[in-house]
C-alpha cells in the first residue's frame, strides 16, 4: 500500500462527544456519509492513476444476488475486448456495450 493512497479514520474519545452506536440514527447517518467520502476518495485514486485515460462505471441490472452482479461486472471489467472498445471509444451512444460477447452468470429478468 502506498502512503499516498492511505486513509485513516481515528477516534479516541478525547473530544467528549456522545458515543455513536451502530444501528442508531446517528450511526446510520455517519456510516452513509463515511461511505460517500470513501467512495469519492476511491474514485479519485482511480482517476488520478498513472496512465488512466478513462473512468468507467459498470452497472449490472437483473442479477439474482450481489455475488452474481459482481461476477458479471468483473467479467466485463476484466475483458480485453471491453477495455479495447473503451480505449478507442467504441461504446454505443448511451455508453453501453450491450453485446460484449462475454459469458456472464445467468441473470433474472
N, C-alpha and C. Protein backbone atom coordinates (compact mmCIF):
# COMPACT_ATOMS: atom_id res chain seq x y z
N UNK A 1 0.84 -1.17 0.00
CA UNK A 1 0.00 0.00 0.00
C UNK A 1 0.89 1.24 0.00
N UNK A 2 0.53 2.15 -0.85
CA UNK A 2 1.26 3.41 -0.91
C UNK A 2 0.75 4.35 0.18
N UNK A 3 1.67 5.06 0.80
CA UNK A 3 1.25 6.05 1.81
C UNK A 3 0.46 7.17 1.17
N UNK A 4 0.60 7.36 -0.13
CA UNK A 4 -0.16 8.38 -0.82
C UNK A 4 -1.61 7.96 -1.04
N UNK A 5 -1.90 6.69 -0.90
CA UNK A 5 -3.25 6.16 -1.10
C UNK A 5 -3.80 5.57 0.20
N UNK A 6 -3.48 6.21 1.30
CA UNK A 6 -3.90 5.72 2.61
C UNK A 6 -4.89 6.67 3.25
N UNK A 7 -5.93 6.11 3.83
CA UNK A 7 -6.92 6.91 4.55
C UNK A 7 -7.07 6.30 5.94
N UNK A 8 -6.87 7.09 6.96
CA UNK A 8 -7.02 6.62 8.33
C UNK A 8 -8.16 7.37 9.00
N UNK A 9 -8.97 6.64 9.71
CA UNK A 9 -10.07 7.24 10.46
C UNK A 9 -9.86 6.84 11.91
N UNK A 10 -9.67 7.83 12.76
CA UNK A 10 -9.37 7.52 14.15
C UNK A 10 -10.30 8.31 15.08
N UNK A 11 -10.62 7.70 16.19
CA UNK A 11 -11.39 8.38 17.23
C UNK A 11 -10.88 7.87 18.57
N UNK A 12 -10.52 8.80 19.45
CA UNK A 12 -10.00 8.37 20.74
C UNK A 12 -10.88 8.83 21.90
N UNK A 13 -12.00 9.50 21.59
CA UNK A 13 -12.92 9.94 22.63
C UNK A 13 -12.53 11.23 23.31
N UNK A 14 -11.38 11.79 22.98
CA UNK A 14 -10.89 12.99 23.66
C UNK A 14 -11.79 14.21 23.44
N UNK A 15 -12.57 14.24 22.36
CA UNK A 15 -13.43 15.39 22.11
C UNK A 15 -14.62 15.42 23.06
N UNK A 16 -14.92 14.28 23.67
CA UNK A 16 -16.01 14.24 24.63
C UNK A 16 -17.39 14.20 24.00
N UNK A 17 -17.47 13.93 22.70
CA UNK A 17 -18.78 13.84 22.05
C UNK A 17 -19.49 12.56 22.45
N UNK A 18 -20.83 12.54 22.32
CA UNK A 18 -21.56 11.32 22.66
C UNK A 18 -21.14 10.16 21.76
N UNK A 19 -21.19 8.95 22.27
CA UNK A 19 -20.83 7.76 21.53
C UNK A 19 -21.87 7.51 20.43
N UNK A 20 -21.39 7.22 19.25
CA UNK A 20 -22.28 6.86 18.13
C UNK A 20 -22.28 5.34 18.05
N UNK A 21 -23.47 4.76 18.14
CA UNK A 21 -23.56 3.30 18.13
C UNK A 21 -24.07 2.80 16.78
N UNK A 22 -23.59 1.63 16.41
CA UNK A 22 -24.00 1.00 15.17
C UNK A 22 -25.51 0.73 15.19
N UNK A 23 -26.19 1.05 14.09
CA UNK A 23 -27.61 0.82 14.00
C UNK A 23 -28.48 1.96 14.51
N UNK A 24 -27.86 2.90 15.20
CA UNK A 24 -28.63 4.06 15.67
C UNK A 24 -28.83 5.03 14.51
N UNK A 25 -29.73 5.99 14.69
CA UNK A 25 -29.96 7.00 13.65
C UNK A 25 -28.65 7.72 13.33
N UNK A 26 -27.92 8.12 14.37
CA UNK A 26 -26.64 8.81 14.17
C UNK A 26 -25.61 7.89 13.52
N UNK A 27 -25.60 6.62 13.97
CA UNK A 27 -24.65 5.65 13.42
C UNK A 27 -24.90 5.40 11.94
N UNK A 28 -26.17 5.27 11.57
CA UNK A 28 -26.51 5.06 10.17
C UNK A 28 -26.16 6.27 9.32
N UNK A 29 -26.43 7.47 9.85
CA UNK A 29 -26.09 8.70 9.12
C UNK A 29 -24.58 8.81 8.95
N UNK A 30 -23.83 8.53 10.02
CA UNK A 30 -22.36 8.59 9.95
C UNK A 30 -21.84 7.57 8.93
N UNK A 31 -22.37 6.35 8.97
CA UNK A 31 -21.92 5.30 8.05
C UNK A 31 -22.19 5.69 6.60
N UNK A 32 -23.37 6.28 6.33
CA UNK A 32 -23.71 6.69 4.97
C UNK A 32 -22.77 7.80 4.49
N UNK A 33 -22.52 8.79 5.35
CA UNK A 33 -21.63 9.88 4.96
C UNK A 33 -20.19 9.40 4.79
N UNK A 34 -19.75 8.53 5.67
CA UNK A 34 -18.40 7.98 5.56
C UNK A 34 -18.27 7.18 4.27
N UNK A 35 -19.29 6.40 3.93
CA UNK A 35 -19.27 5.65 2.67
C UNK A 35 -19.16 6.59 1.48
N UNK A 36 -19.90 7.70 1.50
CA UNK A 36 -19.83 8.68 0.41
C UNK A 36 -18.41 9.24 0.27
N UNK A 37 -17.80 9.59 1.39
CA UNK A 37 -16.45 10.16 1.37
C UNK A 37 -15.45 9.13 0.85
N UNK A 38 -15.53 7.90 1.35
CA UNK A 38 -14.58 6.87 0.94
C UNK A 38 -14.76 6.48 -0.53
N UNK A 39 -16.00 6.43 -1.00
CA UNK A 39 -16.24 6.14 -2.41
C UNK A 39 -15.67 7.24 -3.29
N UNK A 40 -15.85 8.49 -2.87
CA UNK A 40 -15.29 9.61 -3.61
C UNK A 40 -13.76 9.52 -3.65
N UNK A 41 -13.15 9.22 -2.52
CA UNK A 41 -11.69 9.10 -2.48
C UNK A 41 -11.21 7.95 -3.37
N UNK A 42 -11.91 6.83 -3.34
CA UNK A 42 -11.52 5.68 -4.17
C UNK A 42 -11.60 6.04 -5.65
N UNK A 43 -12.66 6.74 -6.05
CA UNK A 43 -12.79 7.15 -7.45
C UNK A 43 -11.69 8.13 -7.84
N UNK A 44 -11.34 9.03 -6.93
CA UNK A 44 -10.27 9.99 -7.22
C UNK A 44 -8.93 9.27 -7.42
N UNK A 45 -8.68 8.24 -6.61
CA UNK A 45 -7.44 7.47 -6.74
C UNK A 45 -7.39 6.81 -8.12
N UNK A 46 -8.51 6.24 -8.55
CA UNK A 46 -8.56 5.60 -9.86
C UNK A 46 -8.35 6.63 -10.97
N UNK A 47 -9.06 7.75 -10.89
CA UNK A 47 -8.95 8.77 -11.93
C UNK A 47 -7.55 9.37 -12.01
N UNK A 48 -6.86 9.45 -10.87
CA UNK A 48 -5.52 10.02 -10.83
C UNK A 48 -4.44 8.99 -11.12
N UNK A 49 -4.84 7.75 -11.40
CA UNK A 49 -3.88 6.68 -11.62
C UNK A 49 -2.98 6.96 -12.80
N UNK A 50 -1.74 6.53 -12.68
CA UNK A 50 -0.77 6.75 -13.75
C UNK A 50 -1.24 6.07 -15.03
N UNK A 51 -1.37 6.83 -16.08
CA UNK A 51 -1.78 6.29 -17.37
C UNK A 51 -3.29 6.18 -17.54
N UNK A 52 -4.06 6.53 -16.53
CA UNK A 52 -5.53 6.43 -16.65
C UNK A 52 -6.05 7.49 -17.62
N UNK A 53 -6.84 7.04 -18.58
CA UNK A 53 -7.44 7.98 -19.53
C UNK A 53 -8.96 7.92 -19.50
N UNK A 54 -9.51 6.91 -18.84
CA UNK A 54 -10.96 6.74 -18.76
C UNK A 54 -11.35 6.35 -17.34
N UNK A 55 -12.59 6.71 -16.97
CA UNK A 55 -13.18 6.22 -15.73
C UNK A 55 -14.51 5.61 -16.11
N UNK A 56 -14.65 4.32 -15.93
CA UNK A 56 -15.84 3.60 -16.36
C UNK A 56 -16.55 3.03 -15.14
N UNK A 57 -17.86 3.20 -15.12
CA UNK A 57 -18.70 2.59 -14.09
C UNK A 57 -19.53 1.51 -14.74
N UNK A 58 -19.53 0.33 -14.14
CA UNK A 58 -20.29 -0.80 -14.67
C UNK A 58 -21.48 -1.03 -13.76
N UNK A 59 -22.67 -1.00 -14.32
CA UNK A 59 -23.89 -1.25 -13.55
C UNK A 59 -24.53 -2.51 -14.08
N UNK A 60 -24.85 -3.42 -13.19
CA UNK A 60 -25.49 -4.68 -13.57
C UNK A 60 -26.91 -4.66 -13.02
N UNK A 61 -27.87 -4.83 -13.91
CA UNK A 61 -29.28 -4.92 -13.52
C UNK A 61 -29.76 -6.35 -13.75
N UNK A 62 -30.62 -6.83 -12.87
CA UNK A 62 -31.26 -8.12 -13.08
C UNK A 62 -30.53 -9.32 -12.54
N UNK A 63 -29.46 -9.12 -11.79
CA UNK A 63 -28.75 -10.26 -11.20
C UNK A 63 -29.58 -10.82 -10.05
N UNK A 64 -29.45 -12.12 -9.80
CA UNK A 64 -30.25 -12.72 -8.73
C UNK A 64 -29.74 -12.33 -7.35
N UNK A 65 -28.46 -11.97 -7.25
CA UNK A 65 -27.91 -11.52 -5.97
C UNK A 65 -26.64 -10.71 -6.22
N UNK A 66 -26.10 -10.15 -5.14
CA UNK A 66 -24.90 -9.31 -5.26
C UNK A 66 -23.71 -10.07 -5.81
N UNK A 67 -23.58 -11.34 -5.44
CA UNK A 67 -22.44 -12.13 -5.92
C UNK A 67 -22.49 -12.31 -7.44
N UNK A 68 -23.67 -12.60 -7.99
CA UNK A 68 -23.79 -12.73 -9.44
C UNK A 68 -23.56 -11.39 -10.13
N UNK A 69 -24.06 -10.32 -9.53
CA UNK A 69 -23.85 -8.99 -10.11
C UNK A 69 -22.36 -8.66 -10.15
N UNK A 70 -21.66 -8.96 -9.07
CA UNK A 70 -20.22 -8.68 -9.03
C UNK A 70 -19.48 -9.54 -10.05
N UNK A 71 -19.87 -10.82 -10.15
CA UNK A 71 -19.22 -11.71 -11.12
C UNK A 71 -19.41 -11.18 -12.55
N UNK A 72 -20.63 -10.74 -12.86
CA UNK A 72 -20.90 -10.21 -14.20
C UNK A 72 -20.09 -8.93 -14.44
N UNK A 73 -20.09 -8.03 -13.46
CA UNK A 73 -19.35 -6.77 -13.61
C UNK A 73 -17.86 -7.01 -13.77
N UNK A 74 -17.31 -7.91 -12.98
CA UNK A 74 -15.87 -8.19 -13.07
C UNK A 74 -15.53 -8.87 -14.39
N UNK A 75 -16.43 -9.70 -14.90
CA UNK A 75 -16.22 -10.34 -16.19
C UNK A 75 -16.09 -9.28 -17.28
N UNK A 76 -16.95 -8.28 -17.20
CA UNK A 76 -16.91 -7.19 -18.18
C UNK A 76 -15.67 -6.32 -17.96
N UNK A 77 -15.42 -5.94 -16.71
CA UNK A 77 -14.31 -5.05 -16.39
C UNK A 77 -12.96 -5.63 -16.77
N UNK A 78 -12.81 -6.94 -16.66
CA UNK A 78 -11.52 -7.58 -16.93
C UNK A 78 -11.37 -8.05 -18.36
N UNK A 79 -12.37 -7.81 -19.19
CA UNK A 79 -12.33 -8.25 -20.58
C UNK A 79 -11.41 -7.37 -21.43
N UNK A 80 -10.49 -7.98 -22.12
CA UNK A 80 -9.62 -7.24 -23.03
C UNK A 80 -10.44 -6.62 -24.16
N UNK A 81 -11.47 -7.31 -24.60
CA UNK A 81 -12.35 -6.79 -25.65
C UNK A 81 -13.01 -5.49 -25.21
N UNK A 82 -13.53 -5.48 -24.01
CA UNK A 82 -14.21 -4.28 -23.49
C UNK A 82 -13.20 -3.16 -23.26
N UNK A 83 -12.06 -3.49 -22.69
CA UNK A 83 -11.04 -2.47 -22.45
C UNK A 83 -10.60 -1.83 -23.77
N UNK A 84 -10.44 -2.64 -24.80
CA UNK A 84 -10.06 -2.12 -26.11
C UNK A 84 -11.16 -1.23 -26.67
N UNK A 85 -12.41 -1.68 -26.54
CA UNK A 85 -13.53 -0.88 -27.05
C UNK A 85 -13.57 0.49 -26.38
N UNK A 86 -13.37 0.54 -25.08
CA UNK A 86 -13.38 1.83 -24.40
C UNK A 86 -12.16 2.67 -24.76
N UNK A 87 -11.03 2.04 -24.97
CA UNK A 87 -9.83 2.82 -25.28
C UNK A 87 -9.94 3.50 -26.64
N UNK A 88 -10.72 2.90 -27.56
CA UNK A 88 -10.89 3.51 -28.87
C UNK A 88 -12.28 4.14 -29.01
N UNK A 89 -12.97 4.29 -27.90
CA UNK A 89 -14.28 4.95 -27.82
C UNK A 89 -15.31 4.30 -28.73
N UNK A 90 -15.53 2.99 -28.54
CA UNK A 90 -16.49 2.27 -29.37
C UNK A 90 -17.84 1.99 -28.71
N UNK A 91 -18.11 2.38 -27.46
CA UNK A 91 -19.42 2.06 -26.89
C UNK A 91 -20.54 2.72 -27.68
N UNK A 92 -21.74 2.22 -27.48
CA UNK A 92 -22.90 2.80 -28.14
C UNK A 92 -23.12 4.21 -27.63
N UNK A 93 -24.01 4.95 -28.27
CA UNK A 93 -24.26 6.34 -27.92
C UNK A 93 -24.66 6.56 -26.47
N UNK A 94 -25.30 5.54 -25.86
CA UNK A 94 -25.71 5.71 -24.47
C UNK A 94 -24.64 5.25 -23.49
N UNK A 95 -23.48 4.90 -24.02
CA UNK A 95 -22.37 4.50 -23.16
C UNK A 95 -22.39 3.03 -22.78
N UNK A 96 -23.29 2.24 -23.38
CA UNK A 96 -23.37 0.84 -23.01
C UNK A 96 -22.69 -0.04 -24.06
N UNK A 97 -22.34 -1.23 -23.65
CA UNK A 97 -21.80 -2.25 -24.55
C UNK A 97 -22.74 -3.45 -24.45
N UNK A 98 -23.89 -3.41 -25.15
CA UNK A 98 -24.91 -4.41 -24.94
C UNK A 98 -24.53 -5.82 -25.38
N UNK A 99 -23.67 -5.95 -26.36
CA UNK A 99 -23.31 -7.28 -26.84
C UNK A 99 -21.80 -7.45 -26.77
N UNK A 100 -21.31 -7.56 -25.56
CA UNK A 100 -19.87 -7.66 -25.38
C UNK A 100 -19.33 -9.03 -25.73
N UNK A 101 -20.23 -10.03 -25.83
CA UNK A 101 -19.77 -11.38 -26.16
C UNK A 101 -19.07 -12.06 -25.01
N UNK A 102 -19.29 -11.56 -23.81
CA UNK A 102 -18.61 -12.11 -22.64
C UNK A 102 -19.57 -13.01 -21.88
N UNK A 103 -19.18 -14.26 -21.60
CA UNK A 103 -20.06 -15.11 -20.81
C UNK A 103 -20.24 -14.51 -19.42
N UNK A 104 -21.46 -14.52 -18.94
CA UNK A 104 -21.75 -13.97 -17.62
C UNK A 104 -22.69 -14.91 -16.89
N UNK A 105 -22.83 -14.71 -15.59
CA UNK A 105 -23.77 -15.55 -14.84
C UNK A 105 -25.18 -15.39 -15.38
N UNK A 106 -26.02 -16.41 -15.15
CA UNK A 106 -27.41 -16.34 -15.57
C UNK A 106 -28.10 -15.22 -14.78
N UNK A 107 -28.73 -14.30 -15.50
CA UNK A 107 -29.40 -13.18 -14.86
C UNK A 107 -30.90 -13.37 -14.96
N UNK A 108 -31.61 -12.90 -13.94
CA UNK A 108 -33.07 -12.99 -13.96
C UNK A 108 -33.63 -11.73 -14.57
N UNK A 109 -34.84 -11.80 -15.06
CA UNK A 109 -35.45 -10.61 -15.67
C UNK A 109 -36.28 -9.84 -14.67
